Amino acid sequence: MLLLATSSAFGSYGSIIFIVLIFGLMYFMMIRPQKKQQQKHQEMMSKLQVGDKVVTIGRLHGVVDSIDADAKTVTLDCDGIYLVFDRTAIMHVDHVEAVQTATTDTDSTAAEEQASATDSAASSEASVNPDDENSTKE
C-alpha cells in the first residue's frame, strides 16, 4: 500500500515536470528566435539612411528619399514615383556602401577573368604547329 502511494505522488510530480519541459522547449524553439529576429530587424531599421535600397513587405523595391522620425514614415523613390510607407513596412535594407563595394569587386573579378581568357586564347594560338596549317591548305 505504501508503494502505491509513493508512485502516485511521483506521477503528479512527473506530469508537472513534463509541462515545465514543454514550456521550456516552446521558449527555446519559438519565442527566443522570434525575439532575436525582432532585435535584428530593429537594428537594421536604426541604420536606415537616405539613399539605401530597400524592399517592402509587399516586395516593392525602391530607394529611400526621406525619413520622418516623428511620423515613423519613409518616403521611397520607385523609378520616379514617390511613395510614403510606415517604417514597419520595410522588410530588407541594402546599404549603399555595401552595394558599391560588391559592384567594384564584381567588376574587378570580371576584368580578371576576361584577361585570363584572352591570355589562354593567345597561348593556344601560339601553340599551333605551322606545318599543320600547310598540310590543311593542300
C-alpha atoms as a PDB file:
ATOM      1  CA  MET A   1       0.000   0.000   0.000  1.00  0.00           C
ATOM      2  CA  LEU A   2       2.837   2.368   0.809  1.00  0.00           C
ATOM      3  CA  LEU A   3       4.424   1.600  -2.532  1.00  0.00           C
ATOM      4  CA  LEU A   4       1.271   2.643  -4.400  1.00  0.00           C
ATOM      5  CA  ALA A   5       1.056   5.953  -2.535  1.00  0.00           C
ATOM      6  CA  THR A   6       4.625   6.940  -3.374  1.00  0.00           C
ATOM      7  CA  SER A   7       4.275   6.031  -7.058  1.00  0.00           C
ATOM      8  CA  SER A   8       1.089   8.081  -7.469  1.00  0.00           C
ATOM      9  CA  ALA A   9       2.747  11.057  -5.713  1.00  0.00           C
ATOM     10  CA  PHE A  10       5.702  10.807  -8.081  1.00  0.00           C
ATOM     11  CA  GLY A  11       3.274  10.581 -11.012  1.00  0.00           C
ATOM     12  CA  SER A  12       1.830  14.001 -10.244  1.00  0.00           C
ATOM     13  CA  TYR A  13       5.320  15.496  -9.994  1.00  0.00           C
ATOM     14  CA  GLY A  14       6.198  13.801 -13.254  1.00  0.00           C
ATOM     15  CA  SER A  15       3.327  15.467 -15.070  1.00  0.00           C
ATOM     16  CA  ILE A  16       4.302  18.878 -13.642  1.00  0.00           C
ATOM     17  CA  ILE A  17       7.909  18.330 -14.765  1.00  0.00           C
ATOM     18  CA  PHE A  18       6.658  17.295 -18.201  1.00  0.00           C
ATOM     19  CA  ILE A  19       4.580  20.511 -18.531  1.00  0.00           C
ATOM     20  CA  VAL A  20       7.561  22.631 -17.439  1.00  0.00           C
ATOM     21  CA  LEU A  21       9.750  20.876 -20.022  1.00  0.00           C
ATOM     22  CA  ILE A  22       7.164  21.537 -22.761  1.00  0.00           C
ATOM     23  CA  PHE A  23       7.074  25.264 -21.903  1.00  0.00           C
ATOM     24  CA  GLY A  24      10.884  25.377 -21.833  1.00  0.00           C
ATOM     25  CA  LEU A  25      11.025  23.730 -25.241  1.00  0.00           C
ATOM     26  CA  MET A  26       8.455  26.164 -26.624  1.00  0.00           C
ATOM     27  CA  TYR A  27      10.523  29.080 -25.320  1.00  0.00           C
ATOM     28  CA  PHE A  28      13.742  27.914 -26.983  1.00  0.00           C
ATOM     29  CA  MET A  29      12.082  26.842 -30.233  1.00  0.00           C
ATOM     30  CA  MET A  30       9.597  29.702 -30.801  1.00  0.00           C
ATOM     31  CA  ILE A  31       9.863  32.729 -28.526  1.00  0.00           C
ATOM     32  CA  ARG A  32      13.644  33.170 -28.353  1.00  0.00           C
ATOM     33  CA  PRO A  33      14.271  33.033 -32.146  1.00  0.00           C
ATOM     34  CA  GLN A  34      11.416  35.480 -32.708  1.00  0.00           C
ATOM     35  CA  LYS A  35      12.948  37.932 -30.231  1.00  0.00           C
ATOM     36  CA  LYS A  36      16.314  37.629 -31.981  1.00  0.00           C
ATOM     37  CA  GLN A  37      14.669  38.286 -35.347  1.00  0.00           C
ATOM     38  CA  GLN A  38      12.847  41.357 -33.972  1.00  0.00           C
ATOM     39  CA  GLN A  39      16.063  42.676 -32.477  1.00  0.00           C
ATOM     40  CA  LYS A  40      17.908  42.193 -35.798  1.00  0.00           C
ATOM     41  CA  HIS A  41      15.109  43.995 -37.689  1.00  0.00           C
ATOM     42  CA  GLN A  42      15.153  46.863 -35.170  1.00  0.00           C
ATOM     43  CA  GLU A  43      18.925  47.208 -35.597  1.00  0.00           C
ATOM     44  CA  MET A  44      18.516  47.240 -39.397  1.00  0.00           C
ATOM     45  CA  MET A  45      15.870  49.953 -39.153  1.00  0.00           C
ATOM     46  CA  SER A  46      18.045  52.088 -36.867  1.00  0.00           C
ATOM     47  CA  LYS A  47      20.801  52.055 -39.522  1.00  0.00           C
ATOM     48  CA  LEU A  48      18.396  53.104 -42.307  1.00  0.00           C
ATOM     49  CA  GLN A  49      19.710  56.123 -44.228  1.00  0.00           C
ATOM     50  CA  VAL A  50      18.675  58.237 -47.194  1.00  0.00           C
ATOM     51  CA  GLY A  51      19.879  56.567 -50.404  1.00  0.00           C
ATOM     52  CA  ASP A  52      19.636  52.984 -49.129  1.00  0.00           C
ATOM     53  CA  LYS A  53      17.926  50.461 -51.377  1.00  0.00           C
ATOM     54  CA  VAL A  54      15.012  48.789 -49.598  1.00  0.00           C
ATOM     55  CA  VAL A  55      12.393  46.111 -50.185  1.00  0.00           C
ATOM     56  CA  THR A  56       8.969  46.482 -48.570  1.00  0.00           C
ATOM     57  CA  ILE A  57       6.796  43.705 -47.191  1.00  0.00           C
ATOM     58  CA  GLY A  58       4.782  43.956 -50.424  1.00  0.00           C
ATOM     59  CA  ARG A  59       8.000  43.217 -52.428  1.00  0.00           C
ATOM     60  CA  LEU A  60       8.225  46.796 -53.759  1.00  0.00           C
ATOM     61  CA  HIS A  61      11.822  47.827 -54.452  1.00  0.00           C
ATOM     62  CA  GLY A  62      12.884  51.451 -54.045  1.00  0.00           C
ATOM     63  CA  VAL A  63      15.451  53.917 -52.754  1.00  0.00           C
ATOM     64  CA  VAL A  64      14.938  55.848 -49.516  1.00  0.00           C
ATOM     65  CA  ASP A  65      14.296  59.509 -50.364  1.00  0.00           C
ATOM     66  CA  SER A  66      13.465  60.830 -46.899  1.00  0.00           C
ATOM     67  CA  ILE A  67      12.870  59.587 -43.360  1.00  0.00           C
ATOM     68  CA  ASP A  68      10.357  61.205 -40.995  1.00  0.00           C
ATOM     69  CA  ALA A  69      11.280  60.069 -37.479  1.00  0.00           C
ATOM     70  CA  ASP A  70       8.322  61.846 -35.831  1.00  0.00           C
ATOM     71  CA  ALA A  71       5.673  60.201 -38.012  1.00  0.00           C
ATOM     72  CA  LYS A  72       7.748  56.977 -38.324  1.00  0.00           C
ATOM     73  CA  THR A  73       7.424  57.008 -42.105  1.00  0.00           C
ATOM     74  CA  VAL A  74       9.803  56.542 -45.017  1.00  0.00           C
ATOM     75  CA  THR A  75       9.428  58.074 -48.484  1.00  0.00           C
ATOM     76  CA  LEU A  76      10.654  55.766 -51.249  1.00  0.00           C
ATOM     77  CA  ASP A  77      11.640  56.705 -54.789  1.00  0.00           C
ATOM     78  CA  CYS A  78      10.398  53.901 -57.053  1.00  0.00           C
ATOM     79  CA  ASP A  79      11.511  54.885 -60.569  1.00  0.00           C
ATOM     80  CA  GLY A  80      10.381  58.491 -60.149  1.00  0.00           C
ATOM     81  CA  ILE A  81       7.240  57.697 -58.175  1.00  0.00           C
ATOM     82  CA  TYR A  82       7.453  58.789 -54.549  1.00  0.00           C
ATOM     83  CA  LEU A  83       5.548  56.613 -52.080  1.00  0.00           C
ATOM     84  CA  VAL A  84       5.232  57.011 -48.306  1.00  0.00           C
ATOM     85  CA  PHE A  85       5.404  53.876 -46.130  1.00  0.00           C
ATOM     86  CA  ASP A  86       5.453  53.150 -42.419  1.00  0.00           C
ATOM     87  CA  ARG A  87       8.895  52.187 -41.175  1.00  0.00           C
ATOM     88  CA  THR A  88       7.469  48.813 -40.183  1.00  0.00           C
ATOM     89  CA  ALA A  89       6.710  48.103 -43.863  1.00  0.00           C
ATOM     90  CA  ILE A  90      10.431  47.875 -44.684  1.00  0.00           C
ATOM     91  CA  MET A  91      11.428  44.220 -44.918  1.00  0.00           C
ATOM     92  CA  HIS A  92      15.044  44.380 -46.150  1.00  0.00           C
ATOM     93  CA  VAL A  93      17.692  47.112 -46.475  1.00  0.00           C
ATOM     94  CA  ASP A  94      20.686  47.102 -48.833  1.00  0.00           C
ATOM     95  CA  HIS A  95      23.053  49.770 -47.595  1.00  0.00           C
ATOM     96  CA  VAL A  96      24.661  51.914 -50.312  1.00  0.00           C
ATOM     97  CA  GLU A  97      28.268  51.311 -49.174  1.00  0.00           C
ATOM     98  CA  ALA A  98      27.851  47.542 -49.259  1.00  0.00           C
ATOM     99  CA  VAL A  99      26.274  47.644 -52.710  1.00  0.00           C
ATOM    100  CA  GLN A 100      29.065  49.837 -54.125  1.00  0.00           C
ATOM    101  CA  THR A 101      31.767  47.593 -52.665  1.00  0.00           C
ATOM    102  CA  ALA A 102      30.150  44.467 -54.084  1.00  0.00           C
ATOM    103  CA  THR A 103      29.838  46.097 -57.521  1.00  0.00           C
ATOM    104  CA  THR A 104      33.512  47.110 -57.506  1.00  0.00           C
ATOM    105  CA  ASP A 105      34.576  43.589 -56.501  1.00  0.00           C
ATOM    106  CA  THR A 106      32.404  42.045 -59.230  1.00  0.00           C
ATOM    107  CA  ASP A 107      33.796  44.391 -61.896  1.00  0.00           C
ATOM    108  CA  SER A 108      37.408  43.647 -60.967  1.00  0.00           C
ATOM    109  CA  THR A 109      36.739  39.902 -60.894  1.00  0.00           C
ATOM    110  CA  ALA A 110      35.093  40.041 -64.340  1.00  0.00           C
ATOM    111  CA  ALA A 111      38.045  42.010 -65.738  1.00  0.00           C
ATOM    112  CA  GLU A 112      40.499  39.465 -64.339  1.00  0.00           C
ATOM    113  CA  GLU A 113      38.516  36.564 -65.837  1.00  0.00           C
ATOM    114  CA  GLN A 114      38.378  38.284 -69.224  1.00  0.00           C
ATOM    115  CA  ALA A 115      42.131  38.942 -69.135  1.00  0.00           C
ATOM    116  CA  SER A 116      42.902  35.325 -68.259  1.00  0.00           C
ATOM    117  CA  ALA A 117      40.597  34.082 -71.041  1.00  0.00           C
ATOM    118  CA  THR A 118      42.364  36.360 -73.560  1.00  0.00           C
ATOM    119  CA  ASP A 119      45.775  35.115 -72.391  1.00  0.00           C
ATOM    120  CA  SER A 120      44.743  31.466 -72.695  1.00  0.00           C
ATOM    121  CA  ALA A 121      43.344  32.041 -76.194  1.00  0.00           C
ATOM    122  CA  ALA A 122      46.558  33.747 -77.283  1.00  0.00           C
ATOM    123  CA  SER A 123      48.697  30.937 -75.882  1.00  0.00           C
ATOM    124  CA  SER A 124      46.594  28.285 -77.630  1.00  0.00           C
ATOM    125  CA  GLU A 125      47.015  30.103 -80.968  1.00  0.00           C
ATOM    126  CA  ALA A 126      50.771  30.312 -80.445  1.00  0.00           C
ATOM    127  CA  SER A 127      50.998  26.584 -79.778  1.00  0.00           C
ATOM    128  CA  VAL A 128      49.566  25.656 -83.204  1.00  0.00           C
ATOM    129  CA  ASN A 129      52.213  23.993 -85.393  1.00  0.00           C
ATOM    130  CA  PRO A 130      52.807  25.911 -88.674  1.00  0.00           C
ATOM    131  CA  ASP A 131      53.381  22.606 -90.546  1.00  0.00           C
ATOM    132  CA  ASP A 132      49.819  21.555 -89.705  1.00  0.00           C
ATOM    133  CA  GLU A 133      48.452  24.692 -91.366  1.00  0.00           C
ATOM    134  CA  ASN A 134      50.380  23.995 -94.602  1.00  0.00           C
ATOM    135  CA  SER A 135      49.108  20.418 -94.788  1.00  0.00           C
ATOM    136  CA  THR A 136      45.473  21.533 -94.496  1.00  0.00           C
ATOM    137  CA  LYS A 137      45.838  24.112 -97.290  1.00  0.00           C
ATOM    138  CA  GLU A 138      46.961  21.487 -99.811  1.00  0.00           C
END
